[in-house]
C-alpha atoms as a PDB file:
ATOM      1  CA  UNK A   1       0.000   0.000   0.000  1.00  0.00           C
ATOM      2  CA  UNK A   2       1.064   3.550  -0.692  1.00  0.00           C
ATOM      3  CA  UNK A   3       0.154   6.785   1.068  1.00  0.00           C
ATOM      4  CA  UNK A   4      -1.503   9.248  -1.312  1.00  0.00           C
ATOM      5  CA  UNK A   5      -3.285  12.599  -1.446  1.00  0.00           C
ATOM      6  CA  UNK A   6      -6.560  12.732  -3.388  1.00  0.00           C
ATOM      7  CA  UNK A   7      -6.094  15.673  -5.767  1.00  0.00           C
ATOM      8  CA  UNK A   8      -9.170  15.266  -7.958  1.00  0.00           C
ATOM      9  CA  UNK A   9     -11.755  13.051  -9.569  1.00  0.00           C
ATOM     10  CA  UNK A  10     -11.658  11.454 -13.006  1.00  0.00           C
ATOM     11  CA  UNK A  11     -14.625  11.248 -15.380  1.00  0.00           C
ATOM     12  CA  UNK A  12     -14.699   8.570 -18.059  1.00  0.00           C
ATOM     13  CA  UNK A  13     -17.180   9.046 -20.874  1.00  0.00           C
ATOM     14  CA  UNK A  14     -16.708   5.407 -21.869  1.00  0.00           C
ATOM     15  CA  UNK A  15     -15.551   2.558 -19.681  1.00  0.00           C
ATOM     16  CA  UNK A  16     -15.816  -1.173 -19.196  1.00  0.00           C
ATOM     17  CA  UNK A  17     -19.358  -2.160 -18.174  1.00  0.00           C
ATOM     18  CA  UNK A  18     -18.085  -3.693 -14.910  1.00  0.00           C
ATOM     19  CA  UNK A  19     -16.774  -0.257 -13.869  1.00  0.00           C
ATOM     20  CA  UNK A  20     -19.998   1.683 -14.496  1.00  0.00           C
ATOM     21  CA  UNK A  21     -20.939   2.297 -10.861  1.00  0.00           C
ATOM     22  CA  UNK A  22     -17.413   3.023  -9.614  1.00  0.00           C
ATOM     23  CA  UNK A  23     -15.975   6.455  -8.756  1.00  0.00           C
ATOM     24  CA  UNK A  24     -12.436   7.250  -9.951  1.00  0.00           C
ATOM     25  CA  UNK A  25     -10.010   9.427  -7.981  1.00  0.00           C
ATOM     26  CA  UNK A  26      -6.743  11.049  -9.028  1.00  0.00           C
ATOM     27  CA  UNK A  27      -4.274  10.206  -6.259  1.00  0.00           C
ATOM     28  CA  UNK A  28      -0.798  11.722  -5.910  1.00  0.00           C
ATOM     29  CA  UNK A  29       1.668   9.691  -3.812  1.00  0.00           C
ATOM     30  CA  UNK A  30       2.734  11.634  -0.714  1.00  0.00           C
ATOM     31  CA  UNK A  31       5.025  11.429   2.303  1.00  0.00           C
ATOM     32  CA  UNK A  32       3.959  10.885   5.917  1.00  0.00           C
ATOM     33  CA  UNK A  33       3.148  14.589   6.353  1.00  0.00           C
ATOM     34  CA  UNK A  34       0.761  14.602   3.362  1.00  0.00           C
ATOM     35  CA  UNK A  35       3.165  16.502   1.092  1.00  0.00           C
ATOM     36  CA  UNK A  36       2.994  15.142  -2.492  1.00  0.00           C
ATOM     37  CA  UNK A  37       6.141  13.453  -3.807  1.00  0.00           C
ATOM     38  CA  UNK A  38       7.550  13.644  -7.330  1.00  0.00           C
ATOM     39  CA  UNK A  39       6.006  10.272  -8.243  1.00  0.00           C
ATOM     40  CA  UNK A  40       3.361  10.244 -10.979  1.00  0.00           C
ATOM     41  CA  UNK A  41      -0.303  10.374  -9.910  1.00  0.00           C
ATOM     42  CA  UNK A  42      -2.511   7.301 -10.313  1.00  0.00           C
ATOM     43  CA  UNK A  43      -6.182   6.806 -11.089  1.00  0.00           C
ATOM     44  CA  UNK A  44      -7.696   4.716  -8.302  1.00  0.00           C
ATOM     45  CA  UNK A  45     -11.157   3.291  -7.751  1.00  0.00           C
ATOM     46  CA  UNK A  46     -12.765   4.720  -4.607  1.00  0.00           C
ATOM     47  CA  UNK A  47     -13.794   1.819  -2.366  1.00  0.00           C
ATOM     48  CA  UNK A  48     -14.311   3.806   0.859  1.00  0.00           C
ATOM     49  CA  UNK A  49     -15.913   7.154  -0.024  1.00  0.00           C
ATOM     50  CA  UNK A  50     -12.773   9.310  -0.011  1.00  0.00           C
ATOM     51  CA  UNK A  51     -12.792  12.876  -1.255  1.00  0.00           C
ATOM     52  CA  UNK A  52     -10.511  15.551  -2.657  1.00  0.00           C
ATOM     53  CA  UNK A  53      -7.955  16.753  -0.111  1.00  0.00           C
ATOM     54  CA  UNK A  54      -7.940  13.557   1.949  1.00  0.00           C
ATOM     55  CA  UNK A  55      -4.863  11.442   2.596  1.00  0.00           C
ATOM     56  CA  UNK A  56      -5.554   7.792   1.771  1.00  0.00           C
ATOM     57  CA  UNK A  57      -3.840   4.439   1.478  1.00  0.00           C
ATOM     58  CA  UNK A  58      -4.110   2.873  -1.963  1.00  0.00           C
ATOM     59  CA  UNK A  59      -3.192  -0.549  -3.252  1.00  0.00           C
ATOM     60  CA  UNK A  60      -2.126  -1.322  -6.788  1.00  0.00           C
ATOM     61  CA  UNK A  61      -1.742  -4.381  -8.981  1.00  0.00           C
ATOM     62  CA  UNK A  62      -3.560  -7.586  -8.081  1.00  0.00           C
ATOM     63  CA  UNK A  63      -4.089  -6.301  -4.513  1.00  0.00           C
ATOM     64  CA  UNK A  64      -6.390  -3.610  -5.911  1.00  0.00           C
ATOM     65  CA  UNK A  65      -8.887  -6.303  -6.901  1.00  0.00           C
ATOM     66  CA  UNK A  66      -9.241  -7.745  -3.402  1.00  0.00           C
ATOM     67  CA  UNK A  67     -11.922  -5.397  -2.006  1.00  0.00           C
ATOM     68  CA  UNK A  68     -15.657  -6.098  -2.026  1.00  0.00           C
ATOM     69  CA  UNK A  69     -16.127  -3.186  -4.441  1.00  0.00           C
ATOM     70  CA  UNK A  70     -13.430  -4.252  -6.920  1.00  0.00           C
ATOM     71  CA  UNK A  71     -13.564  -8.062  -6.691  1.00  0.00           C
ATOM     72  CA  UNK A  72     -12.763  -9.536 -10.122  1.00  0.00           C
ATOM     73  CA  UNK A  73     -13.031  -6.143 -11.844  1.00  0.00           C
ATOM     74  CA  UNK A  74     -10.354  -4.747 -14.184  1.00  0.00           C
ATOM     75  CA  UNK A  75      -8.717  -2.160 -11.879  1.00  0.00           C
ATOM     76  CA  UNK A  76      -5.069  -1.264 -11.256  1.00  0.00           C
ATOM     77  CA  UNK A  77      -5.422   0.824  -8.094  1.00  0.00           C
ATOM     78  CA  UNK A  78      -7.964   1.046  -5.280  1.00  0.00           C
END
């Protein structure tokens, strides 16, 4: 898991049918104080109701598909 700051939301005009009800967040990796790092931001599926400005933990890769919201769905980060 990685610590990240939610910096925005992402809107997809077209997406896989299995992702229709999911909210996408733009998450910038950050340090323990909440200051963004130089790492590239990621698009993550919101599984807990996070919002812009919040510091969150996100998982990527196969771990991202282990939540009740993302089970067996094609996601890279949650």
